[in-house]
């Protein structure tokens, strides 16, 4: 039976995790590292490491990031949700800008500075 985490996962997210797992497996093989050795380096069990290479969403993001760091592929993780690249967020923010800005009223007798 599928866990709630897996069944509630959007299809695009599931595909992304599957690709990540496959890419991790290929990177490990290119470096000639065994799964046993990778599991030891990531500090997870062999079965958990196998889940990483399958793109299992129940594995912690920390285990995925540690795996990427060991493989020398961690640089881009910090850019995954970069606010400067969030075009939808930037568009929404721009839509909320006021049409005009009204200066606050000055009290009587107050001079401009």
PDB file of N, CA and C in Angstrom:
ATOM      1  N   UNK A   1       0.837  -1.177   0.000  1.00  0.00           N
ATOM      2  CA  UNK A   1       0.000   0.000   0.000  1.00  0.00           C
ATOM      3  C   UNK A   1       0.889   1.250   0.000  1.00  0.00           C
ATOM      4  N   UNK A   2       0.532   2.231  -0.842  1.00  0.00           N
ATOM      5  CA  UNK A   2       1.307   3.460  -0.925  1.00  0.00           C
ATOM      6  C   UNK A   2       1.079   4.307   0.306  1.00  0.00           C
ATOM      7  N   UNK A   3       2.137   5.009   0.709  1.00  0.00           N
ATOM      8  CA  UNK A   3       1.989   5.899   1.850  1.00  0.00           C
ATOM      9  C   UNK A   3       1.259   7.163   1.414  1.00  0.00           C
ATOM     10  N   UNK A   4       0.740   7.882   2.377  1.00  0.00           N
ATOM     11  CA  UNK A   4       0.046   9.135   2.097  1.00  0.00           C
ATOM     12  C   UNK A   4       0.984  10.127   1.420  1.00  0.00           C
ATOM     13  N   UNK A   5       2.245  10.124   1.816  1.00  0.00           N
ATOM     14  CA  UNK A   5       3.229  11.025   1.223  1.00  0.00           C
ATOM     15  C   UNK A   5       3.356  10.775  -0.272  1.00  0.00           C
ATOM     16  N   UNK A   6       3.440   9.530  -0.662  1.00  0.00           N
ATOM     17  CA  UNK A   6       3.605   9.181  -2.069  1.00  0.00           C
ATOM     18  C   UNK A   6       2.346   9.468  -2.867  1.00  0.00           C
ATOM     19  N   UNK A   7       1.192   9.135  -2.344  1.00  0.00           N
ATOM     20  CA  UNK A   7      -0.038   9.322  -3.095  1.00  0.00           C
ATOM     21  C   UNK A   7      -0.440  10.789  -3.208  1.00  0.00           C
ATOM     22  N   UNK A   8      -0.031  11.623  -2.261  1.00  0.00           N
ATOM     23  CA  UNK A   8      -0.384  13.042  -2.293  1.00  0.00           C
ATOM     24  C   UNK A   8       0.611  13.868  -3.095  1.00  0.00           C
ATOM     25  N   UNK A   9       1.679  13.269  -3.536  1.00  0.00           N
ATOM     26  CA  UNK A   9       2.729  13.978  -4.251  1.00  0.00           C
ATOM     27  C   UNK A   9       2.267  14.329  -5.669  1.00  0.00           C
ATOM     28  N   UNK A  10       2.402  15.593  -6.071  1.00  0.00           N
ATOM     29  CA  UNK A  10       2.036  15.967  -7.445  1.00  0.00           C
ATOM     30  C   UNK A  10       2.867  15.180  -8.460  1.00  0.00           C
ATOM     31  N   UNK A  11       2.277  14.914  -9.594  1.00  0.00           N
ATOM     32  CA  UNK A  11       2.935  14.106 -10.624  1.00  0.00           C
ATOM     33  C   UNK A  11       4.281  14.707 -11.041  1.00  0.00           C
ATOM     34  N   UNK A  12       4.336  16.025 -11.222  1.00  0.00           N
ATOM     35  CA  UNK A  12       5.592  16.677 -11.630  1.00  0.00           C
ATOM     36  C   UNK A  12       6.678  16.484 -10.569  1.00  0.00           C
ATOM     37  N   UNK A  13       6.297  16.567  -9.307  1.00  0.00           N
ATOM     38  CA  UNK A  13       7.257  16.375  -8.221  1.00  0.00           C
ATOM     39  C   UNK A  13       7.748  14.926  -8.202  1.00  0.00           C
ATOM     40  N   UNK A  14       6.851  14.007  -8.427  1.00  0.00           N
ATOM     41  CA  UNK A  14       7.219  12.584  -8.455  1.00  0.00           C
ATOM     42  C   UNK A  14       8.221  12.314  -9.570  1.00  0.00           C
ATOM     43  N   UNK A  15       7.935  12.881 -10.763  1.00  0.00           N
ATOM     44  CA  UNK A  15       8.856  12.702 -11.895  1.00  0.00           C
ATOM     45  C   UNK A  15      10.227  13.309 -11.588  1.00  0.00           C
ATOM     46  N   UNK A  16      10.223  14.480 -10.952  1.00  0.00           N
ATOM     47  CA  UNK A  16      11.491  15.142 -10.611  1.00  0.00           C
ATOM     48  C   UNK A  16      12.308  14.283  -9.649  1.00  0.00           C
ATOM     49  N   UNK A  17      11.645  13.701  -8.649  1.00  0.00           N
ATOM     50  CA  UNK A  17      12.352  12.833  -7.698  1.00  0.00           C
ATOM     51  C   UNK A  17      12.883  11.570  -8.373  1.00  0.00           C
ATOM     52  N   UNK A  18      12.092  10.997  -9.271  1.00  0.00           N
ATOM     53  CA  UNK A  18      12.548   9.804  -9.989  1.00  0.00           C
ATOM     54  C   UNK A  18      13.794  10.126 -10.813  1.00  0.00           C
ATOM     55  N   UNK A  19      13.773  11.267 -11.503  1.00  0.00           N
ATOM     56  CA  UNK A  19      14.929  11.681 -12.297  1.00  0.00           C
ATOM     57  C   UNK A  19      16.135  11.940 -11.395  1.00  0.00           C
ATOM     58  N   UNK A  20      15.909  12.606 -10.265  1.00  0.00           N
ATOM     59  CA  UNK A  20      16.997  12.857  -9.326  1.00  0.00           C
ATOM     60  C   UNK A  20      17.620  11.538  -8.873  1.00  0.00           C
ATOM     61  N   UNK A  21      16.796  10.584  -8.503  1.00  0.00           N
ATOM     62  CA  UNK A  21      17.302   9.281  -8.072  1.00  0.00           C
ATOM     63  C   UNK A  21      18.105   8.589  -9.160  1.00  0.00           C
ATOM     64  N   UNK A  22      17.588   8.624 -10.383  1.00  0.00           N
ATOM     65  CA  UNK A  22      18.301   8.002 -11.504  1.00  0.00           C
ATOM     66  C   UNK A  22      19.633   8.709 -11.755  1.00  0.00           C
ATOM     67  N   UNK A  23      19.619  10.031 -11.703  1.00  0.00           N
ATOM     68  CA  UNK A  23      20.843  10.798 -11.924  1.00  0.00           C
ATOM     69  C   UNK A  23      21.883  10.521 -10.831  1.00  0.00           C
ATOM     70  N   UNK A  24      21.424  10.375  -9.607  1.00  0.00           N
ATOM     71  CA  UNK A  24      22.325  10.040  -8.501  1.00  0.00           C
ATOM     72  C   UNK A  24      22.957   8.668  -8.741  1.00  0.00           C
ATOM     73  N   UNK A  25      22.147   7.712  -9.177  1.00  0.00           N
ATOM     74  CA  UNK A  25      22.668   6.367  -9.441  1.00  0.00           C
ATOM     75  C   UNK A  25      23.724   6.395 -10.543  1.00  0.00           C
ATOM     76  N   UNK A  26      23.465   7.135 -11.616  1.00  0.00           N
ATOM     77  CA  UNK A  26      24.433   7.235 -12.717  1.00  0.00           C
ATOM     78  C   UNK A  26      25.721   7.911 -12.239  1.00  0.00           C
ATOM     79  N   UNK A  27      25.585   8.999 -11.470  1.00  0.00           N
ATOM     80  CA  UNK A  27      26.767   9.712 -10.955  1.00  0.00           C
ATOM     81  C   UNK A  27      27.604   8.798 -10.063  1.00  0.00           C
ATOM     82  N   UNK A  28      26.941   8.007  -9.222  1.00  0.00           N
ATOM     83  CA  UNK A  28      27.660   7.074  -8.347  1.00  0.00           C
ATOM     84  C   UNK A  28      28.415   6.040  -9.169  1.00  0.00           C
ATOM     85  N   UNK A  29      27.753   5.496 -10.181  1.00  0.00           N
ATOM     86  CA  UNK A  29      28.389   4.474 -11.022  1.00  0.00           C
ATOM     87  C   UNK A  29      29.573   5.047 -11.795  1.00  0.00           C
ATOM     88  N   UNK A  30      29.447   6.279 -12.290  1.00  0.00           N
ATOM     89  CA  UNK A  30      30.551   6.918 -13.011  1.00  0.00           C
ATOM     90  C   UNK A  30      31.773   7.071 -12.117  1.00  0.00           C
ATOM     91  N   UNK A  31      31.534   7.240 -10.834  1.00  0.00           N
ATOM     92  CA  UNK A  31      32.629   7.416  -9.875  1.00  0.00           C
ATOM     93  C   UNK A  31      33.113   6.083  -9.310  1.00  0.00           C
ATOM     94  N   UNK A  32      32.493   5.006  -9.771  1.00  0.00           N
ATOM     95  CA  UNK A  32      32.858   3.641  -9.345  1.00  0.00           C
ATOM     96  C   UNK A  32      32.751   3.475  -7.830  1.00  0.00           C
ATOM     97  N   UNK A  33      31.656   3.987  -7.261  1.00  0.00           N
ATOM     98  CA  UNK A  33      31.412   3.848  -5.819  1.00  0.00           C
ATOM     99  C   UNK A  33      30.296   2.830  -5.633  1.00  0.00           C
ATOM    100  N   UNK A  34      30.488   1.892  -4.737  1.00  0.00           N
ATOM    101  CA  UNK A  34      29.451   0.886  -4.490  1.00  0.00           C
ATOM    102  C   UNK A  34      28.310   1.488  -3.670  1.00  0.00           C
ATOM    103  N   UNK A  35      27.159   0.840  -3.728  1.00  0.00           N
ATOM    104  CA  UNK A  35      26.015   1.312  -2.942  1.00  0.00           C
ATOM    105  C   UNK A  35      26.284   1.155  -1.448  1.00  0.00           C
ATOM    106  N   UNK A  36      27.012   0.127  -1.083  1.00  0.00           N
ATOM    107  CA  UNK A  36      27.357  -0.087   0.325  1.00  0.00           C
ATOM    108  C   UNK A  36      28.229   1.064   0.822  1.00  0.00           C
ATOM    109  N   UNK A  37      29.218   1.433   0.034  1.00  0.00           N
ATOM    110  CA  UNK A  37      30.106   2.529   0.402  1.00  0.00           C
ATOM    111  C   UNK A  37      29.344   3.857   0.476  1.00  0.00           C
ATOM    112  N   UNK A  38      28.448   4.101  -0.485  1.00  0.00           N
ATOM    113  CA  UNK A  38      27.662   5.341  -0.471  1.00  0.00           C
ATOM    114  C   UNK A  38      26.769   5.392   0.765  1.00  0.00           C
ATOM    115  N   UNK A  39      26.131   4.295   1.090  1.00  0.00           N
ATOM    116  CA  UNK A  39      25.264   4.255   2.267  1.00  0.00           C
ATOM    117  C   UNK A  39      26.063   4.585   3.527  1.00  0.00           C
ATOM    118  N   UNK A  40      27.264   4.049   3.629  1.00  0.00           N
ATOM    119  CA  UNK A  40      28.119   4.342   4.785  1.00  0.00           C
ATOM    120  C   UNK A  40      28.492   5.823   4.825  1.00  0.00           C
ATOM    121  N   UNK A  41      28.826   6.385   3.671  1.00  0.00           N
ATOM    122  CA  UNK A  41      29.230   7.795   3.615  1.00  0.00           C
ATOM    123  C   UNK A  41      28.072   8.747   3.928  1.00  0.00           C
ATOM    124  N   UNK A  42      26.859   8.349   3.523  1.00  0.00           N
ATOM    125  CA  UNK A  42      25.670   9.180   3.764  1.00  0.00           C
ATOM    126  C   UNK A  42      25.131   8.954   5.183  1.00  0.00           C
ATOM    127  N   UNK A  43      25.623   7.926   5.858  1.00  0.00           N
ATOM    128  CA  UNK A  43      25.168   7.546   7.204  1.00  0.00           C
ATOM    129  C   UNK A  43      23.712   7.094   7.204  1.00  0.00           C
ATOM    130  N   UNK A  44      23.366   6.273   6.194  1.00  0.00           N
ATOM    131  CA  UNK A  44      22.039   5.667   6.131  1.00  0.00           C
ATOM    132  C   UNK A  44      22.213   4.177   5.885  1.00  0.00           C
ATOM    133  N   UNK A  45      21.139   3.442   6.064  1.00  0.00           N
ATOM    134  CA  UNK A  45      21.201   2.005   5.805  1.00  0.00           C
ATOM    135  C   UNK A  45      21.257   1.772   4.295  1.00  0.00           C
ATOM    136  N   UNK A  46      21.653   0.576   3.921  1.00  0.00           N
ATOM    137  CA  UNK A  46      21.710   0.201   2.501  1.00  0.00           C
ATOM    138  C   UNK A  46      20.331   0.318   1.868  1.00  0.00           C
ATOM    139  N   UNK A  47      19.283  -0.061   2.588  1.00  0.00           N
ATOM    140  CA  UNK A  47      17.920   0.008   2.024  1.00  0.00           C
ATOM    141  C   UNK A  47      17.467   1.465   1.842  1.00  0.00           C
ATOM    142  N   UNK A  48      17.852   2.344   2.758  1.00  0.00           N
ATOM    143  CA  UNK A  48      17.505   3.759   2.602  1.00  0.00           C
ATOM    144  C   UNK A  48      18.249   4.346   1.421  1.00  0.00           C
ATOM    145  N   UNK A  49      19.503   3.959   1.246  1.00  0.00           N
ATOM    146  CA  UNK A  49      20.243   4.465   0.094  1.00  0.00           C
ATOM    147  C   UNK A  49      19.600   3.988  -1.209  1.00  0.00           C
ATOM    148  N   UNK A  50      19.129   2.770  -1.209  1.00  0.00           N
ATOM    149  CA  UNK A  50      18.429   2.245  -2.385  1.00  0.00           C
ATOM    150  C   UNK A  50      17.191   3.096  -2.695  1.00  0.00           C
ATOM    151  N   UNK A  51      16.497   3.540  -1.650  1.00  0.00           N
ATOM    152  CA  UNK A  51      15.332   4.417  -1.838  1.00  0.00           C
ATOM    153  C   UNK A  51      15.733   5.755  -2.452  1.00  0.00           C
ATOM    154  N   UNK A  52      16.902   6.253  -2.066  1.00  0.00           N
ATOM    155  CA  UNK A  52      17.396   7.516  -2.647  1.00  0.00           C
ATOM    156  C   UNK A  52      17.549   7.363  -4.155  1.00  0.00           C
ATOM    157  N   UNK A  53      18.159   6.272  -4.587  1.00  0.00           N
ATOM    158  CA  UNK A  53      18.370   6.060  -6.011  1.00  0.00           C
ATOM    159  C   UNK A  53      17.077   5.752  -6.763  1.00  0.00           C
ATOM    160  N   UNK A  54      16.028   5.432  -6.031  1.00  0.00           N
ATOM    161  CA  UNK A  54      14.713   5.221  -6.654  1.00  0.00           C
ATOM    162  C   UNK A  54      13.862   6.488  -6.607  1.00  0.00           C
ATOM    163  N   UNK A  55      14.374   7.529  -5.957  1.00  0.00           N
ATOM    164  CA  UNK A  55      13.627   8.781  -5.865  1.00  0.00           C
ATOM    165  C   UNK A  55      12.461   8.713  -4.897  1.00  0.00           C
ATOM    166  N   UNK A  56      12.617   7.957  -3.844  1.00  0.00           N
ATOM    167  CA  UNK A  56      11.548   7.784  -2.852  1.00  0.00           C
ATOM    168  C   UNK A  56      11.318   9.082  -2.065  1.00  0.00           C
ATOM    169  N   UNK A  57      10.068   9.591  -2.053  1.00  0.00           N
ATOM    170  CA  UNK A  57       9.788  10.846  -1.358  1.00  0.00           C
ATOM    171  C   UNK A  57       9.779  10.735   0.165  1.00  0.00           C
ATOM    172  N   UNK A  58       9.858   9.534   0.695  1.00  0.00           N
ATOM    173  CA  UNK A  58       9.845   9.388   2.150  1.00  0.00           C
ATOM    174  C   UNK A  58      11.224   9.562   2.763  1.00  0.00           C
ATOM    175  N   UNK A  59      12.266   9.612   1.933  1.00  0.00           N
ATOM    176  CA  UNK A  59      13.626   9.814   2.422  1.00  0.00           C
ATOM    177  C   UNK A  59      13.820  11.307   2.677  1.00  0.00           C
ATOM    178  N   UNK A  60      14.506  11.648   3.757  1.00  0.00           N
ATOM    179  CA  UNK A  60      14.687  13.056   4.117  1.00  0.00           C
ATOM    180  C   UNK A  60      15.487  13.810   3.063  1.00  0.00           C
ATOM    181  N   UNK A  61      15.180  15.093   2.950  1.00  0.00           N
ATOM    182  CA  UNK A  61      15.925  15.924   2.009  1.00  0.00           C
ATOM    183  C   UNK A  61      17.396  16.002   2.421  1.00  0.00           C
ATOM    184  N   UNK A  62      17.661  15.891   3.705  1.00  0.00           N
ATOM    185  CA  UNK A  62      19.040  15.902   4.182  1.00  0.00           C
ATOM    186  C   UNK A  62      19.843  14.743   3.623  1.00  0.00           C
ATOM    187  N   UNK A  63      19.231  13.583   3.512  1.00  0.00           N
ATOM    188  CA  UNK A  63      19.927  12.421   2.947  1.00  0.00           C
ATOM    189  C   UNK A  63      20.216  12.636   1.463  1.00  0.00           C
ATOM    190  N   UNK A  64      19.257  13.232   0.749  1.00  0.00           N
ATOM    191  CA  UNK A  64      19.488  13.541  -0.667  1.00  0.00           C
ATOM    192  C   UNK A  64      20.629  14.550  -0.820  1.00  0.00           C
ATOM    193  N   UNK A  65      20.610  15.615  -0.020  1.00  0.00           N
ATOM    194  CA  UNK A  65      21.636  16.659  -0.124  1.00  0.00           C
ATOM    195  C   UNK A  65      23.010  16.119   0.276  1.00  0.00           C
ATOM    196  N   UNK A  66      23.059  15.296   1.299  1.00  0.00           N
ATOM    197  CA  UNK A  66      24.328  14.672   1.692  1.00  0.00           C
ATOM    198  C   UNK A  66      24.872  13.820   0.557  1.00  0.00           C
ATOM    199  N   UNK A  67      24.005  13.063  -0.078  1.00  0.00           N
ATOM    200  CA  UNK A  67      24.403  12.234  -1.220  1.00  0.00           C
ATOM    201  C   UNK A  67      24.978  13.102  -2.331  1.00  0.00           C
ATOM    202  N   UNK A  68      24.279  14.199  -2.643  1.00  0.00           N
ATOM    203  CA  UNK A  68      24.765  15.099  -3.689  1.00  0.00           C
ATOM    204  C   UNK A  68      26.103  15.726  -3.318  1.00  0.00           C
ATOM    205  N   UNK A  69      26.286  16.046  -2.051  1.00  0.00           N
ATOM    206  CA  UNK A  69      27.556  16.624  -1.595  1.00  0.00           C
ATOM    207  C   UNK A  69      28.692  15.620  -1.771  1.00  0.00           C
ATOM    208  N   UNK A  70      28.454  14.384  -1.428  1.00  0.00           N
ATOM    209  CA  UNK A  70      29.477  13.346  -1.565  1.00  0.00           C
ATOM    210  C   UNK A  70      29.859  13.160  -3.031  1.00  0.00           C
ATOM    211  N   UNK A  71      28.872  13.304  -3.911  1.00  0.00           N
ATOM    212  CA  UNK A  71      29.124  13.151  -5.338  1.00  0.00           C
ATOM    213  C   UNK A  71      29.673  14.431  -5.983  1.00  0.00           C
ATOM    214  N   UNK A  72      29.773  15.492  -5.193  1.00  0.00           N
ATOM    215  CA  UNK A  72      30.277  16.763  -5.718  1.00  0.00           C
ATOM    216  C   UNK A  72      29.260  17.520  -6.551  1.00  0.00           C
ATOM    217  N   UNK A  73      27.980  17.289  -6.277  1.00  0.00           N
ATOM    218  CA  UNK A  73      26.910  17.893  -7.072  1.00  0.00           C
ATOM    219  C   UNK A  73      25.995  18.800  -6.255  1.00  0.00           C
ATOM    220  N   UNK A  74      26.474  19.299  -5.135  1.00  0.00           N
ATOM    221  CA  UNK A  74      25.601  20.024  -4.209  1.00  0.00           C
ATOM    222  C   UNK A  74      25.463  21.519  -4.537  1.00  0.00           C
ATOM    223  N   UNK A  75      26.313  22.063  -5.408  1.00  0.00           N
ATOM    224  CA  UNK A  75      26.345  23.501  -5.652  1.00  0.00           C
ATOM    225  C   UNK A  75      24.978  24.103  -5.970  1.00  0.00           C
ATOM    226  N   UNK A  76      24.190  23.439  -6.780  1.00  0.00           N
ATOM    227  CA  UNK A  76      22.931  24.014  -7.253  1.00  0.00           C
ATOM    228  C   UNK A  76      21.754  23.843  -6.298  1.00  0.00           C
ATOM    229  N   UNK A  77      21.931  23.103  -5.237  1.00  0.00           N
ATOM    230  CA  UNK A  77      20.822  22.873  -4.307  1.00  0.00           C
ATOM    231  C   UNK A  77      20.302  24.187  -3.732  1.00  0.00           C
ATOM    232  N   UNK A  78      21.198  25.101  -3.415  1.00  0.00           N
ATOM    233  CA  UNK A  78      20.802  26.399  -2.873  1.00  0.00           C
ATOM    234  C   UNK A  78      20.041  27.258  -3.857  1.00  0.00           C
ATOM    235  N   UNK A  79      20.109  26.928  -5.130  1.00  0.00           N
ATOM    236  CA  UNK A  79      19.428  27.703  -6.159  1.00  0.00           C
ATOM    237  C   UNK A  79      18.060  27.136  -6.528  1.00  0.00           C
ATOM    238  N   UNK A  80      17.671  26.035  -5.926  1.00  0.00           N
ATOM    239  CA  UNK A  80      16.420  25.377  -6.309  1.00  0.00           C
ATOM    240  C   UNK A  80      15.194  26.279  -6.204  1.00  0.00           C
ATOM    241  N   UNK A  81      15.114  27.052  -5.154  1.00  0.00           N
ATOM    242  CA  UNK A  81      13.968  27.941  -4.951  1.00  0.00           C
ATOM    243  C   UNK A  81      14.435  29.391  -4.832  1.00  0.00           C
ATOM    244  N   UNK A  82      15.443  29.745  -5.617  1.00  0.00           N
ATOM    245  CA  UNK A  82      16.017  31.090  -5.576  1.00  0.00           C
ATOM    246  C   UNK A  82      14.943  32.135  -5.850  1.00  0.00           C
ATOM    247  N   UNK A  83      14.768  33.059  -4.912  1.00  0.00           N
ATOM    248  CA  UNK A  83      13.705  34.061  -5.045  1.00  0.00           C
ATOM    249  C   UNK A  83      13.921  34.974  -6.238  1.00  0.00           C
ATOM    250  N   UNK A  84      15.147  35.140  -6.679  1.00  0.00           N
ATOM    251  CA  UNK A  84      15.414  35.968  -7.855  1.00  0.00           C
ATOM    252  C   UNK A  84      14.956  35.284  -9.143  1.00  0.00           C
ATOM    253  N   UNK A  85      14.837  33.964  -9.109  1.00  0.00           N
ATOM    254  CA  UNK A  85      14.394  33.197 -10.279  1.00  0.00           C
ATOM    255  C   UNK A  85      12.922  32.805 -10.197  1.00  0.00           C
ATOM    256  N   UNK A  86      12.232  33.225  -9.155  1.00  0.00           N
ATOM    257  CA  UNK A  86      10.817  32.890  -8.954  1.00  0.00           C
ATOM    258  C   UNK A  86       9.940  33.836  -9.774  1.00  0.00           C
ATOM    259  N   UNK A  87       9.793  33.542 -11.059  1.00  0.00           N
ATOM    260  CA  UNK A  87       9.072  34.447 -11.954  1.00  0.00           C
ATOM    261  C   UNK A  87       7.614  34.626 -11.544  1.00  0.00           C
ATOM    262  N   UNK A  88       6.955  33.573 -11.117  1.00  0.00           N
ATOM    263  CA  UNK A  88       5.569  33.708 -10.680  1.00  0.00           C
ATOM    264  C   UNK A  88       5.481  34.613  -9.456  1.00  0.00           C
ATOM    265  N   UNK A  89       6.350  34.389  -8.484  1.00  0.00           N
ATOM    266  CA  UNK A  89       6.361  35.224  -7.290  1.00  0.00           C
ATOM    267  C   UNK A  89       6.648  36.677  -7.613  1.00  0.00           C
ATOM    268  N   UNK A  90       7.588  36.896  -8.511  1.00  0.00           N
ATOM    269  CA  UNK A  90       7.922  38.264  -8.911  1.00  0.00           C
ATOM    270  C   UNK A  90       6.751  38.932  -9.630  1.00  0.00           C
ATOM    271  N   UNK A  91       6.056  38.180 -10.487  1.00  0.00           N
ATOM    272  CA  UNK A  91       4.887  38.728 -11.192  1.00  0.00           C
ATOM    273  C   UNK A  91       3.771  39.067 -10.215  1.00  0.00           C
ATOM    274  N   UNK A  92       3.528  38.177  -9.258  1.00  0.00           N
ATOM    275  CA  UNK A  92       2.481  38.432  -8.270  1.00  0.00           C
ATOM    276  C   UNK A  92       2.817  39.661  -7.436  1.00  0.00           C
ATOM    277  N   UNK A  93       4.078  39.794  -7.074  1.00  0.00           N
ATOM    278  CA  UNK A  93       4.514  40.945  -6.295  1.00  0.00           C
ATOM    279  C   UNK A  93       4.310  42.228  -7.089  1.00  0.00           C
ATOM    280  N   UNK A  94       4.620  42.197  -8.367  1.00  0.00           N
ATOM    281  CA  UNK A  94       4.465  43.372  -9.225  1.00  0.00           C
ATOM    282  C   UNK A  94       2.993  43.747  -9.375  1.00  0.00           C
ATOM    283  N   UNK A  95       2.120  42.752  -9.457  1.00  0.00           N
ATOM    284  CA  UNK A  95       0.676  43.013  -9.582  1.00  0.00           C
ATOM    285  C   UNK A  95       0.122  43.718  -8.353  1.00  0.00           C
ATOM    286  N   UNK A  96       0.741  43.511  -7.204  1.00  0.00           N
ATOM    287  CA  UNK A  96       0.255  44.111  -5.966  1.00  0.00           C
ATOM    288  C   UNK A  96       0.809  45.500  -5.693  1.00  0.00           C
ATOM    289  N   UNK A  97       1.653  45.991  -6.575  1.00  0.00           N
ATOM    290  CA  UNK A  97       2.185  47.339  -6.376  1.00  0.00           C
ATOM    291  C   UNK A  97       1.051  48.352  -6.470  1.00  0.00           C
ATOM    292  N   UNK A  98       1.072  49.384  -5.649  1.00  0.00           N
ATOM    293  CA  UNK A  98       0.001  50.382  -5.699  1.00  0.00           C
ATOM    294  C   UNK A  98       0.035  51.158  -7.016  1.00  0.00           C
ATOM    295  N   UNK A  99      -1.154  51.566  -7.481  1.00  0.00           N
ATOM    296  CA  UNK A  99      -1.242  52.334  -8.711  1.00  0.00           C
ATOM    297  C   UNK A  99      -0.633  53.722  -8.536  1.00  0.00           C
ATOM    298  N   UNK A 100      -0.873  54.321  -7.369  1.00  0.00           N
ATOM    299  CA  UNK A 100      -0.271  55.615  -7.074  1.00  0.00           C
ATOM    300  C   UNK A 100       0.064  55.672  -5.597  1.00  0.00           C
ATOM    301  N   UNK A 101       1.003  56.492  -5.281  1.00  0.00           N
ATOM    302  CA  UNK A 101       1.432  56.635  -3.896  1.00  0.00           C
ATOM    303  C   UNK A 101       1.097  58.049  -3.460  1.00  0.00           C
ATOM    304  N   UNK A 102       0.341  58.151  -2.372  1.00  0.00           N
ATOM    305  CA  UNK A 102      -0.075  59.442  -1.850  1.00  0.00           C
ATOM    306  C   UNK A 102       0.850  59.805  -0.695  1.00  0.00           C
ATOM    307  N   UNK A 103       1.397  61.005  -0.766  1.00  0.00           N
ATOM    308  CA  UNK A 103       2.258  61.475   0.316  1.00  0.00           C
ATOM    309  C   UNK A 103       1.417  61.709   1.559  1.00  0.00           C
ATOM    310  N   UNK A 104       1.974  61.476   2.732  1.00  0.00           N
ATOM    311  CA  UNK A 104       1.215  61.734   3.960  1.00  0.00           C
ATOM    312  C   UNK A 104       0.968  63.240   4.090  1.00  0.00           C
ATOM    313  N   UNK A 105      -0.194  63.578   4.647  1.00  0.00           N
ATOM    314  CA  UNK A 105      -0.532  64.990   4.830  1.00  0.00           C
ATOM    315  C   UNK A 105       0.340  65.598   5.906  1.00  0.00           C
ATOM    316  N   UNK A 106       0.681  66.845   5.655  1.00  0.00           N
ATOM    317  CA  UNK A 106       1.481  67.579   6.637  1.00  0.00           C
ATOM    318  C   UNK A 106       0.552  68.268   7.615  1.00  0.00           C
ATOM    319  N   UNK A 107       0.992  68.338   8.826  1.00  0.00           N
ATOM    320  CA  UNK A 107       0.241  69.067   9.847  1.00  0.00           C
ATOM    321  C   UNK A 107       0.436  70.560   9.615  1.00  0.00           C
ATOM    322  N   UNK A 108      -0.530  71.359  10.063  1.00  0.00           N
ATOM    323  CA  UNK A 108      -0.429  72.808   9.911  1.00  0.00           C
ATOM    324  C   UNK A 108       0.820  73.328  10.595  1.00  0.00           C
ATOM    325  N   UNK A 109       1.420  74.257   9.954  1.00  0.00           N
ATOM    326  CA  UNK A 109       2.591  74.905  10.528  1.00  0.00           C
ATOM    327  C   UNK A 109       3.879  74.105  10.306  1.00  0.00           C
ATOM    328  N   UNK A 110       3.775  72.903   9.773  1.00  0.00           N
ATOM    329  CA  UNK A 110       4.964  72.080   9.542  1.00  0.00           C
ATOM    330  C   UNK A 110       5.557  72.477   8.209  1.00  0.00           C
ATOM    331  N   UNK A 111       6.831  72.733   8.180  1.00  0.00           N
ATOM    332  CA  UNK A 111       7.488  73.146   6.945  1.00  0.00           C
ATOM    333  C   UNK A 111       8.112  71.948   6.254  1.00  0.00           C
ATOM    334  N   UNK A 112       8.242  72.081   4.961  1.00  0.00           N
ATOM    335  CA  UNK A 112       8.917  71.037   4.178  1.00  0.00           C
ATOM    336  C   UNK A 112      10.411  71.054   4.493  1.00  0.00           C
ATOM    337  N   UNK A 113      11.004  69.881   4.479  1.00  0.00           N
ATOM    338  CA  UNK A 113      12.443  69.801   4.715  1.00  0.00           C
ATOM    339  C   UNK A 113      13.174  69.410   3.479  1.00  0.00           C
TER     340      UNK A 113
END
